[in-house]
């Protein structure tokens, strides 16, 4: 199996080999001593056959983006929101007491 992987790596690195004619590719496969079924799959560029012959599975997974969530209502649409943002009377009273006590 390592011979096949090495050949595929070489094929990926070498543009001339990657785009070689069928005859040149057959010679390169023979030189690398790749088995006939694997050679046939490489010549046919049949990825699923290569996976089957090498007893491998693809090493990737599809990722999906989550669906879009609905937007929260804006401040303009929420009446009374301004009142919630303003400090309560208790906080204002406490702040005024601190201001009178502090030197």
PDB file of N, CA and C in Angstrom:
ATOM      1  N   UNK A   1       0.828  -1.194   0.000  1.00  0.00           N
ATOM      2  CA  UNK A   1       0.000   0.000   0.000  1.00  0.00           C
ATOM      3  C   UNK A   1       0.869   1.254   0.000  1.00  0.00           C
ATOM      4  N   UNK A   2       1.997   1.222   0.687  1.00  0.00           N
ATOM      5  CA  UNK A   2       2.841   2.416   0.760  1.00  0.00           C
ATOM      6  C   UNK A   2       3.377   2.796  -0.619  1.00  0.00           C
ATOM      7  N   UNK A   3       3.603   1.800  -1.489  1.00  0.00           N
ATOM      8  CA  UNK A   3       4.069   2.106  -2.844  1.00  0.00           C
ATOM      9  C   UNK A   3       3.024   2.920  -3.605  1.00  0.00           C
ATOM     10  N   UNK A   4       1.773   2.543  -3.429  1.00  0.00           N
ATOM     11  CA  UNK A   4       0.688   3.258  -4.112  1.00  0.00           C
ATOM     12  C   UNK A   4       0.588   4.681  -3.580  1.00  0.00           C
ATOM     13  N   UNK A   5       0.641   4.824  -2.262  1.00  0.00           N
ATOM     14  CA  UNK A   5       0.559   6.154  -1.655  1.00  0.00           C
ATOM     15  C   UNK A   5       1.731   7.013  -2.120  1.00  0.00           C
ATOM     16  N   UNK A   6       2.920   6.439  -2.139  1.00  0.00           N
ATOM     17  CA  UNK A   6       4.098   7.177  -2.605  1.00  0.00           C
ATOM     18  C   UNK A   6       3.940   7.588  -4.068  1.00  0.00           C
ATOM     19  N   UNK A   7       3.383   6.687  -4.877  1.00  0.00           N
ATOM     20  CA  UNK A   7       3.181   7.020  -6.284  1.00  0.00           C
ATOM     21  C   UNK A   7       2.169   8.154  -6.424  1.00  0.00           C
ATOM     22  N   UNK A   8       1.080   8.091  -5.663  1.00  0.00           N
ATOM     23  CA  UNK A   8       0.071   9.151  -5.727  1.00  0.00           C
ATOM     24  C   UNK A   8       0.641  10.485  -5.244  1.00  0.00           C
ATOM     25  N   UNK A   9       1.489  10.442  -4.221  1.00  0.00           N
ATOM     26  CA  UNK A   9       2.152  11.665  -3.761  1.00  0.00           C
ATOM     27  C   UNK A   9       3.056  12.229  -4.856  1.00  0.00           C
ATOM     28  N   UNK A  10       3.801  11.336  -5.501  1.00  0.00           N
ATOM     29  CA  UNK A  10       4.689  11.753  -6.590  1.00  0.00           C
ATOM     30  C   UNK A  10       3.869  12.363  -7.721  1.00  0.00           C
ATOM     31  N   UNK A  11       2.737  11.749  -8.003  1.00  0.00           N
ATOM     32  CA  UNK A  11       1.850  12.241  -9.046  1.00  0.00           C
ATOM     33  C   UNK A  11       1.335  13.641  -8.697  1.00  0.00           C
ATOM     34  N   UNK A  12       1.057  13.865  -7.419  1.00  0.00           N
ATOM     35  CA  UNK A  12       0.591  15.176  -6.988  1.00  0.00           C
ATOM     36  C   UNK A  12       1.668  16.242  -7.061  1.00  0.00           C
ATOM     37  N   UNK A  13       2.914  15.846  -6.835  1.00  0.00           N
ATOM     38  CA  UNK A  13       4.035  16.797  -6.871  1.00  0.00           C
ATOM     39  C   UNK A  13       4.496  17.107  -8.291  1.00  0.00           C
ATOM     40  N   UNK A  14       4.388  16.122  -9.166  1.00  0.00           N
ATOM     41  CA  UNK A  14       4.959  16.224 -10.507  1.00  0.00           C
ATOM     42  C   UNK A  14       3.852  16.514 -11.529  1.00  0.00           C
ATOM     43  N   UNK A  15       3.814  17.747 -12.011  1.00  0.00           N
ATOM     44  CA  UNK A  15       2.767  18.139 -12.956  1.00  0.00           C
ATOM     45  C   UNK A  15       2.859  17.352 -14.261  1.00  0.00           C
ATOM     46  N   UNK A  16       4.076  17.034 -14.705  1.00  0.00           N
ATOM     47  CA  UNK A  16       4.226  16.265 -15.944  1.00  0.00           C
ATOM     48  C   UNK A  16       3.632  14.874 -15.791  1.00  0.00           C
ATOM     49  N   UNK A  17       3.848  14.265 -14.641  1.00  0.00           N
ATOM     50  CA  UNK A  17       3.286  12.935 -14.405  1.00  0.00           C
ATOM     51  C   UNK A  17       1.769  13.013 -14.247  1.00  0.00           C
ATOM     52  N   UNK A  18       1.310  14.046 -13.567  1.00  0.00           N
ATOM     53  CA  UNK A  18      -0.131  14.198 -13.332  1.00  0.00           C
ATOM     54  C   UNK A  18      -0.884  14.366 -14.643  1.00  0.00           C
ATOM     55  N   UNK A  19      -0.269  15.054 -15.610  1.00  0.00           N
ATOM     56  CA  UNK A  19      -0.930  15.305 -16.891  1.00  0.00           C
ATOM     57  C   UNK A  19      -0.335  14.452 -18.019  1.00  0.00           C
ATOM     58  N   UNK A  20       0.326  13.368 -17.656  1.00  0.00           N
ATOM     59  CA  UNK A  20       0.976  12.503 -18.648  1.00  0.00           C
ATOM     60  C   UNK A  20      -0.064  11.727 -19.454  1.00  0.00           C
ATOM     61  N   UNK A  21       0.367  11.262 -20.606  1.00  0.00           N
ATOM     62  CA  UNK A  21      -0.508  10.425 -21.433  1.00  0.00           C
ATOM     63  C   UNK A  21      -0.699   9.072 -20.744  1.00  0.00           C
ATOM     64  N   UNK A  22      -1.670   8.336 -21.211  1.00  0.00           N
ATOM     65  CA  UNK A  22      -1.946   7.014 -20.626  1.00  0.00           C
ATOM     66  C   UNK A  22      -0.737   6.090 -20.739  1.00  0.00           C
ATOM     67  N   UNK A  23      -0.045   6.161 -21.887  1.00  0.00           N
ATOM     68  CA  UNK A  23       1.126   5.299 -22.090  1.00  0.00           C
ATOM     69  C   UNK A  23       2.240   5.643 -21.096  1.00  0.00           C
ATOM     70  N   UNK A  24       2.496   6.938 -20.928  1.00  0.00           N
ATOM     71  CA  UNK A  24       3.532   7.358 -19.978  1.00  0.00           C
ATOM     72  C   UNK A  24       3.144   6.996 -18.547  1.00  0.00           C
ATOM     73  N   UNK A  25       1.875   7.128 -18.254  1.00  0.00           N
ATOM     74  CA  UNK A  25       1.398   6.788 -16.907  1.00  0.00           C
ATOM     75  C   UNK A  25       1.540   5.288 -16.659  1.00  0.00           C
ATOM     76  N   UNK A  26       1.224   4.471 -17.675  1.00  0.00           N
ATOM     77  CA  UNK A  26       1.388   3.018 -17.535  1.00  0.00           C
ATOM     78  C   UNK A  26       2.843   2.654 -17.267  1.00  0.00           C
ATOM     79  N   UNK A  27       3.759   3.298 -17.979  1.00  0.00           N
ATOM     80  CA  UNK A  27       5.189   3.042 -17.759  1.00  0.00           C
ATOM     81  C   UNK A  27       5.601   3.431 -16.338  1.00  0.00           C
ATOM     82  N   UNK A  28       5.121   4.562 -15.872  1.00  0.00           N
ATOM     83  CA  UNK A  28       5.460   5.010 -14.516  1.00  0.00           C
ATOM     84  C   UNK A  28       4.883   4.060 -13.471  1.00  0.00           C
ATOM     85  N   UNK A  29       3.679   3.561 -13.709  1.00  0.00           N
ATOM     86  CA  UNK A  29       3.063   2.603 -12.779  1.00  0.00           C
ATOM     87  C   UNK A  29       3.831   1.284 -12.770  1.00  0.00           C
ATOM     88  N   UNK A  30       4.274   0.844 -13.946  1.00  0.00           N
ATOM     89  CA  UNK A  30       5.078  -0.386 -14.023  1.00  0.00           C
ATOM     90  C   UNK A  30       6.412  -0.209 -13.303  1.00  0.00           C
ATOM     91  N   UNK A  31       7.046   0.947 -13.510  1.00  0.00           N
ATOM     92  CA  UNK A  31       8.325   1.225 -12.837  1.00  0.00           C
ATOM     93  C   UNK A  31       8.166   1.232 -11.321  1.00  0.00           C
ATOM     94  N   UNK A  32       7.010   1.714 -10.851  1.00  0.00           N
ATOM     95  CA  UNK A  32       6.765   1.773  -9.403  1.00  0.00           C
ATOM     96  C   UNK A  32       6.258   0.436  -8.860  1.00  0.00           C
ATOM     97  N   UNK A  33       6.056  -0.539  -9.746  1.00  0.00           N
ATOM     98  CA  UNK A  33       5.584  -1.881  -9.376  1.00  0.00           C
ATOM     99  C   UNK A  33       4.239  -1.841  -8.641  1.00  0.00           C
ATOM    100  N   UNK A  34       3.305  -1.086  -9.211  1.00  0.00           N
ATOM    101  CA  UNK A  34       1.951  -0.987  -8.662  1.00  0.00           C
ATOM    102  C   UNK A  34       1.121  -2.130  -9.239  1.00  0.00           C
ATOM    103  N   UNK A  35       0.334  -2.802  -8.387  1.00  0.00           N
ATOM    104  CA  UNK A  35      -0.508  -3.923  -8.817  1.00  0.00           C
ATOM    105  C   UNK A  35      -1.478  -3.492  -9.921  1.00  0.00           C
ATOM    106  N   UNK A  36      -1.875  -4.473 -10.745  1.00  0.00           N
ATOM    107  CA  UNK A  36      -2.736  -4.207 -11.896  1.00  0.00           C
ATOM    108  C   UNK A  36      -4.071  -3.557 -11.522  1.00  0.00           C
ATOM    109  N   UNK A  37      -4.806  -4.066 -10.502  1.00  0.00           N
ATOM    110  CA  UNK A  37      -6.091  -3.421 -10.183  1.00  0.00           C
ATOM    111  C   UNK A  37      -5.918  -1.961  -9.743  1.00  0.00           C
ATOM    112  N   UNK A  38      -4.859  -1.701  -8.973  1.00  0.00           N
ATOM    113  CA  UNK A  38      -4.606  -0.330  -8.533  1.00  0.00           C
ATOM    114  C   UNK A  38      -4.176   0.539  -9.712  1.00  0.00           C
ATOM    115  N   UNK A  39      -3.371  -0.023 -10.594  1.00  0.00           N
ATOM    116  CA  UNK A  39      -2.952   0.712 -11.792  1.00  0.00           C
ATOM    117  C   UNK A  39      -4.154   1.092 -12.645  1.00  0.00           C
ATOM    118  N   UNK A  40      -5.065   0.145 -12.800  1.00  0.00           N
ATOM    119  CA  UNK A  40      -6.272   0.417 -13.592  1.00  0.00           C
ATOM    120  C   UNK A  40      -7.097   1.540 -12.978  1.00  0.00           C
ATOM    121  N   UNK A  41      -7.230   1.523 -11.657  1.00  0.00           N
ATOM    122  CA  UNK A  41      -7.998   2.568 -10.974  1.00  0.00           C
ATOM    123  C   UNK A  41      -7.316   3.928 -11.119  1.00  0.00           C
ATOM    124  N   UNK A  42      -5.992   3.948 -11.033  1.00  0.00           N
ATOM    125  CA  UNK A  42      -5.258   5.212 -11.184  1.00  0.00           C
ATOM    126  C   UNK A  42      -5.379   5.727 -12.614  1.00  0.00           C
ATOM    127  N   UNK A  43      -5.224   4.833 -13.593  1.00  0.00           N
ATOM    128  CA  UNK A  43      -5.350   5.241 -14.991  1.00  0.00           C
ATOM    129  C   UNK A  43      -6.752   5.758 -15.301  1.00  0.00           C
ATOM    130  N   UNK A  44      -7.758   5.139 -14.697  1.00  0.00           N
ATOM    131  CA  UNK A  44      -9.143   5.565 -14.914  1.00  0.00           C
ATOM    132  C   UNK A  44      -9.510   6.766 -14.048  1.00  0.00           C
ATOM    133  N   UNK A  45      -8.604   7.136 -13.146  1.00  0.00           N
ATOM    134  CA  UNK A  45      -8.845   8.222 -12.176  1.00  0.00           C
ATOM    135  C   UNK A  45     -10.129   7.969 -11.395  1.00  0.00           C
ATOM    136  N   UNK A  46     -10.292   6.701 -11.017  1.00  0.00           N
ATOM    137  CA  UNK A  46     -11.477   6.250 -10.280  1.00  0.00           C
ATOM    138  C   UNK A  46     -11.175   6.273  -8.778  1.00  0.00           C
ATOM    139  N   UNK A  47     -11.553   7.338  -8.131  1.00  0.00           N
ATOM    140  CA  UNK A  47     -11.236   7.525  -6.712  1.00  0.00           C
ATOM    141  C   UNK A  47     -11.944   6.501  -5.837  1.00  0.00           C
ATOM    142  N   UNK A  48     -13.208   6.231  -6.126  1.00  0.00           N
ATOM    143  CA  UNK A  48     -13.942   5.271  -5.291  1.00  0.00           C
ATOM    144  C   UNK A  48     -13.333   3.871  -5.401  1.00  0.00           C
ATOM    145  N   UNK A  49     -12.846   3.496  -6.583  1.00  0.00           N
ATOM    146  CA  UNK A  49     -12.183   2.193  -6.732  1.00  0.00           C
ATOM    147  C   UNK A  49     -10.887   2.160  -5.927  1.00  0.00           C
ATOM    148  N   UNK A  50     -10.147   3.267  -5.919  1.00  0.00           N
ATOM    149  CA  UNK A  50      -8.923   3.333  -5.111  1.00  0.00           C
ATOM    150  C   UNK A  50      -9.236   3.171  -3.630  1.00  0.00           C
ATOM    151  N   UNK A  51     -10.271   3.863  -3.172  1.00  0.00           N
ATOM    152  CA  UNK A  51     -10.664   3.714  -1.764  1.00  0.00           C
ATOM    153  C   UNK A  51     -11.005   2.259  -1.449  1.00  0.00           C
ATOM    154  N   UNK A  52     -11.759   1.624  -2.339  1.00  0.00           N
ATOM    155  CA  UNK A  52     -12.149   0.224  -2.113  1.00  0.00           C
ATOM    156  C   UNK A  52     -10.929  -0.700  -2.111  1.00  0.00           C
ATOM    157  N   UNK A  53     -10.053  -0.533  -3.089  1.00  0.00           N
ATOM    158  CA  UNK A  53      -8.877  -1.404  -3.190  1.00  0.00           C
ATOM    159  C   UNK A  53      -7.914  -1.213  -2.018  1.00  0.00           C
ATOM    160  N   UNK A  54      -7.810   0.017  -1.538  1.00  0.00           N
ATOM    161  CA  UNK A  54      -6.916   0.299  -0.409  1.00  0.00           C
ATOM    162  C   UNK A  54      -7.618   0.128   0.937  1.00  0.00           C
ATOM    163  N   UNK A  55      -8.908  -0.187   0.882  1.00  0.00           N
ATOM    164  CA  UNK A  55      -9.733  -0.365   2.083  1.00  0.00           C
ATOM    165  C   UNK A  55      -9.670   0.876   2.978  1.00  0.00           C
ATOM    166  N   UNK A  56      -9.887   2.019   2.343  1.00  0.00           N
ATOM    167  CA  UNK A  56      -9.871   3.299   3.045  1.00  0.00           C
ATOM    168  C   UNK A  56     -11.206   4.001   2.866  1.00  0.00           C
ATOM    169  N   UNK A  57     -11.404   5.021   3.680  1.00  0.00           N
ATOM    170  CA  UNK A  57     -12.582   5.873   3.561  1.00  0.00           C
ATOM    171  C   UNK A  57     -12.111   7.314   3.461  1.00  0.00           C
ATOM    172  N   UNK A  58     -12.906   8.155   2.819  1.00  0.00           N
ATOM    173  CA  UNK A  58     -12.518   9.572   2.758  1.00  0.00           C
ATOM    174  C   UNK A  58     -12.352  10.142   4.162  1.00  0.00           C
ATOM    175  N   UNK A  59     -11.373  11.025   4.307  1.00  0.00           N
ATOM    176  CA  UNK A  59     -11.092  11.597   5.620  1.00  0.00           C
ATOM    177  C   UNK A  59     -11.572  13.044   5.695  1.00  0.00           C
ATOM    178  N   UNK A  60     -12.825  13.259   5.386  1.00  0.00           N
ATOM    179  CA  UNK A  60     -13.396  14.588   5.504  1.00  0.00           C
ATOM    180  C   UNK A  60     -14.877  14.452   5.801  1.00  0.00           C
ATOM    181  N   UNK A  61     -15.453  15.530   6.259  1.00  0.00           N
ATOM    182  CA  UNK A  61     -16.881  15.557   6.540  1.00  0.00           C
ATOM    183  C   UNK A  61     -17.427  16.907   6.093  1.00  0.00           C
ATOM    184  N   UNK A  62     -18.648  16.899   5.663  1.00  0.00           N
ATOM    185  CA  UNK A  62     -19.288  18.131   5.248  1.00  0.00           C
ATOM    186  C   UNK A  62     -19.749  18.892   6.471  1.00  0.00           C
ATOM    187  N   UNK A  63     -19.470  20.175   6.486  1.00  0.00           N
ATOM    188  CA  UNK A  63     -19.923  21.012   7.587  1.00  0.00           C
ATOM    189  C   UNK A  63     -21.019  21.918   7.073  1.00  0.00           C
ATOM    190  N   UNK A  64     -22.053  22.059   7.890  1.00  0.00           N
ATOM    191  CA  UNK A  64     -23.169  22.909   7.503  1.00  0.00           C
ATOM    192  C   UNK A  64     -23.264  24.077   8.471  1.00  0.00           C
ATOM    193  N   UNK A  65     -23.611  25.227   7.930  1.00  0.00           N
ATOM    194  CA  UNK A  65     -23.808  26.383   8.780  1.00  0.00           C
ATOM    195  C   UNK A  65     -25.172  26.264   9.454  1.00  0.00           C
ATOM    196  N   UNK A  66     -25.264  26.723  10.691  1.00  0.00           N
ATOM    197  CA  UNK A  66     -26.565  26.672  11.350  1.00  0.00           C
ATOM    198  C   UNK A  66     -27.543  27.615  10.658  1.00  0.00           C
ATOM    199  N   UNK A  67     -28.812  27.334  10.799  1.00  0.00           N
ATOM    200  CA  UNK A  67     -29.841  28.181  10.211  1.00  0.00           C
ATOM    201  C   UNK A  67     -29.823  29.565  10.830  1.00  0.00           C
ATOM    202  N   UNK A  68     -30.370  30.504  10.108  1.00  0.00           N
ATOM    203  CA  UNK A  68     -30.393  31.868  10.622  1.00  0.00           C
ATOM    204  C   UNK A  68     -31.461  31.997  11.693  1.00  0.00           C
ATOM    205  N   UNK A  69     -31.100  32.704  12.746  1.00  0.00           N
ATOM    206  CA  UNK A  69     -32.041  32.934  13.831  1.00  0.00           C
ATOM    207  C   UNK A  69     -32.820  34.206  13.550  1.00  0.00           C
ATOM    208  N   UNK A  70     -34.018  34.272  14.130  1.00  0.00           N
ATOM    209  CA  UNK A  70     -34.807  35.481  13.984  1.00  0.00           C
ATOM    210  C   UNK A  70     -34.170  36.587  14.807  1.00  0.00           C
ATOM    211  N   UNK A  71     -34.265  37.797  14.282  1.00  0.00           N
ATOM    212  CA  UNK A  71     -33.689  38.924  14.995  1.00  0.00           C
ATOM    213  C   UNK A  71     -34.566  39.296  16.180  1.00  0.00           C
ATOM    214  N   UNK A  72     -33.922  39.729  17.249  1.00  0.00           N
ATOM    215  CA  UNK A  72     -34.657  40.211  18.413  1.00  0.00           C
ATOM    216  C   UNK A  72     -35.256  41.566  18.057  1.00  0.00           C
ATOM    217  N   UNK A  73     -36.393  41.906  18.637  1.00  0.00           N
ATOM    218  CA  UNK A  73     -36.997  43.202  18.337  1.00  0.00           C
ATOM    219  C   UNK A  73     -36.047  44.333  18.735  1.00  0.00           C
ATOM    220  N   UNK A  74     -36.034  45.380  17.940  1.00  0.00           N
ATOM    221  CA  UNK A  74     -35.140  46.502  18.236  1.00  0.00           C
ATOM    222  C   UNK A  74     -35.690  47.312  19.397  1.00  0.00           C
ATOM    223  N   UNK A  75     -34.874  48.206  19.912  1.00  0.00           N
ATOM    224  CA  UNK A  75     -35.275  49.031  21.061  1.00  0.00           C
ATOM    225  C   UNK A  75     -36.476  49.898  20.715  1.00  0.00           C
ATOM    226  N   UNK A  76     -36.552  50.321  19.476  1.00  0.00           N
ATOM    227  CA  UNK A  76     -37.652  51.190  19.071  1.00  0.00           C
ATOM    228  C   UNK A  76     -38.984  50.469  19.171  1.00  0.00           C
ATOM    229  N   UNK A  77     -38.977  49.164  18.985  1.00  0.00           N
ATOM    230  CA  UNK A  77     -40.211  48.393  19.010  1.00  0.00           C
ATOM    231  C   UNK A  77     -40.637  48.006  20.415  1.00  0.00           C
ATOM    232  N   UNK A  78     -39.761  48.181  21.403  1.00  0.00           N
ATOM    233  CA  UNK A  78     -40.074  47.788  22.770  1.00  0.00           C
ATOM    234  C   UNK A  78     -40.431  49.016  23.601  1.00  0.00           C
ATOM    235  N   UNK A  79     -41.714  49.248  23.818  1.00  0.00           N
ATOM    236  CA  UNK A  79     -42.083  50.392  24.651  1.00  0.00           C
ATOM    237  C   UNK A  79     -41.657  50.148  26.097  1.00  0.00           C
ATOM    238  N   UNK A  80     -41.219  51.197  26.753  1.00  0.00           N
ATOM    239  CA  UNK A  80     -40.834  51.080  28.154  1.00  0.00           C
ATOM    240  C   UNK A  80     -39.411  50.630  28.346  1.00  0.00           C
ATOM    241  N   UNK A  81     -38.678  50.375  27.281  1.00  0.00           N
ATOM    242  CA  UNK A  81     -37.293  49.917  27.397  1.00  0.00           C
ATOM    243  C   UNK A  81     -36.418  51.033  27.948  1.00  0.00           C
ATOM    244  N   UNK A  82     -36.725  52.278  27.584  1.00  0.00           N
ATOM    245  CA  UNK A  82     -35.942  53.402  28.076  1.00  0.00           C
ATOM    246  C   UNK A  82     -36.018  53.480  29.593  1.00  0.00           C
ATOM    247  N   UNK A  83     -37.178  53.164  30.128  1.00  0.00           N
ATOM    248  CA  UNK A  83     -37.361  53.227  31.577  1.00  0.00           C
ATOM    249  C   UNK A  83     -36.506  52.175  32.275  1.00  0.00           C
ATOM    250  N   UNK A  84     -36.353  51.006  31.651  1.00  0.00           N
ATOM    251  CA  UNK A  84     -35.553  49.951  32.262  1.00  0.00           C
ATOM    252  C   UNK A  84     -34.078  50.322  32.271  1.00  0.00           C
ATOM    253  N   UNK A  85     -33.640  51.056  31.254  1.00  0.00           N
ATOM    254  CA  UNK A  85     -32.238  51.436  31.171  1.00  0.00           C
ATOM    255  C   UNK A  85     -31.888  52.544  32.157  1.00  0.00           C
ATOM    256  N   UNK A  86     -32.849  53.367  32.498  1.00  0.00           N
ATOM    257  CA  UNK A  86     -32.595  54.466  33.435  1.00  0.00           C
ATOM    258  C   UNK A  86     -32.437  53.900  34.839  1.00  0.00           C
ATOM    259  N   UNK A  87     -31.581  54.510  35.671  1.00  0.00           N
ATOM    260  CA  UNK A  87     -31.417  54.014  37.039  1.00  0.00           C
ATOM    261  C   UNK A  87     -32.721  54.145  37.823  1.00  0.00           C
ATOM    262  N   UNK A  88     -32.972  53.188  38.666  1.00  0.00           N
ATOM    263  CA  UNK A  88     -34.194  53.228  39.468  1.00  0.00           C
ATOM    264  C   UNK A  88     -34.098  54.335  40.505  1.00  0.00           C
ATOM    265  N   UNK A  89     -35.230  54.654  41.132  1.00  0.00           N
ATOM    266  CA  UNK A  89     -35.251  55.707  42.155  1.00  0.00           C
ATOM    267  C   UNK A  89     -34.377  55.325  43.338  1.00  0.00           C
ATOM    268  N   UNK A  90     -34.343  54.034  43.688  1.00  0.00           N
ATOM    269  CA  UNK A  90     -33.523  53.592  44.815  1.00  0.00           C
ATOM    270  C   UNK A  90     -32.045  53.870  44.551  1.00  0.00           C
ATOM    271  N   UNK A  91     -31.601  53.597  43.328  1.00  0.00           N
ATOM    272  CA  UNK A  91     -30.202  53.820  42.984  1.00  0.00           C
ATOM    273  C   UNK A  91     -29.904  55.312  43.002  1.00  0.00           C
ATOM    274  N   UNK A  92     -30.823  56.123  42.465  1.00  0.00           N
ATOM    275  CA  UNK A  92     -30.611  57.571  42.468  1.00  0.00           C
ATOM    276  C   UNK A  92     -30.575  58.107  43.888  1.00  0.00           C
ATOM    277  N   UNK A  93     -31.436  57.591  44.758  1.00  0.00           N
ATOM    278  CA  UNK A  93     -31.475  58.029  46.149  1.00  0.00           C
ATOM    279  C   UNK A  93     -30.185  57.647  46.860  1.00  0.00           C
ATOM    280  N   UNK A  94     -29.696  56.424  46.619  1.00  0.00           N
ATOM    281  CA  UNK A  94     -28.450  55.984  47.242  1.00  0.00           C
ATOM    282  C   UNK A  94     -27.289  56.833  46.753  1.00  0.00           C
ATOM    283  N   UNK A  95     -27.272  57.150  45.480  1.00  0.00           N
ATOM    284  CA  UNK A  95     -26.203  57.990  44.939  1.00  0.00           C
ATOM    285  C   UNK A  95     -26.249  59.392  45.527  1.00  0.00           C
ATOM    286  N   UNK A  96     -27.445  59.930  45.735  1.00  0.00           N
ATOM    287  CA  UNK A  96     -27.548  61.281  46.302  1.00  0.00           C
ATOM    288  C   UNK A  96     -27.104  61.290  47.754  1.00  0.00           C
ATOM    289  N   UNK A  97     -27.369  60.229  48.502  1.00  0.00           N
ATOM    290  CA  UNK A  97     -26.922  60.145  49.891  1.00  0.00           C
ATOM    291  C   UNK A  97     -25.406  60.064  49.951  1.00  0.00           C
ATOM    292  N   UNK A  98     -24.794  59.279  49.035  1.00  0.00           N
ATOM    293  CA  UNK A  98     -23.338  59.183  49.001  1.00  0.00           C
ATOM    294  C   UNK A  98     -22.717  60.533  48.681  1.00  0.00           C
ATOM    295  N   UNK A  99     -23.355  61.262  47.798  1.00  0.00           N
ATOM    296  CA  UNK A  99     -22.818  62.564  47.412  1.00  0.00           C
ATOM    297  C   UNK A  99     -22.857  63.540  48.581  1.00  0.00           C
ATOM    298  N   UNK A 100     -23.872  63.456  49.446  1.00  0.00           N
ATOM    299  CA  UNK A 100     -23.964  64.386  50.579  1.00  0.00           C
ATOM    300  C   UNK A 100     -23.045  63.973  51.712  1.00  0.00           C
ATOM    301  N   UNK A 101     -22.707  62.679  51.823  1.00  0.00           N
ATOM    302  CA  UNK A 101     -21.847  62.195  52.896  1.00  0.00           C
ATOM    303  C   UNK A 101     -20.384  62.391  52.547  1.00  0.00           C
ATOM    304  N   UNK A 102     -20.043  62.248  51.295  1.00  0.00           N
ATOM    305  CA  UNK A 102     -18.639  62.337  50.886  1.00  0.00           C
ATOM    306  C   UNK A 102     -18.126  63.756  51.078  1.00  0.00           C
ATOM    307  N   UNK A 103     -16.849  63.923  51.544  1.00  0.00           N
ATOM    308  CA  UNK A 103     -16.309  65.278  51.778  1.00  0.00           C
ATOM    309  C   UNK A 103     -16.021  66.026  50.507  1.00  0.00           C
TER     310      UNK A 103
END
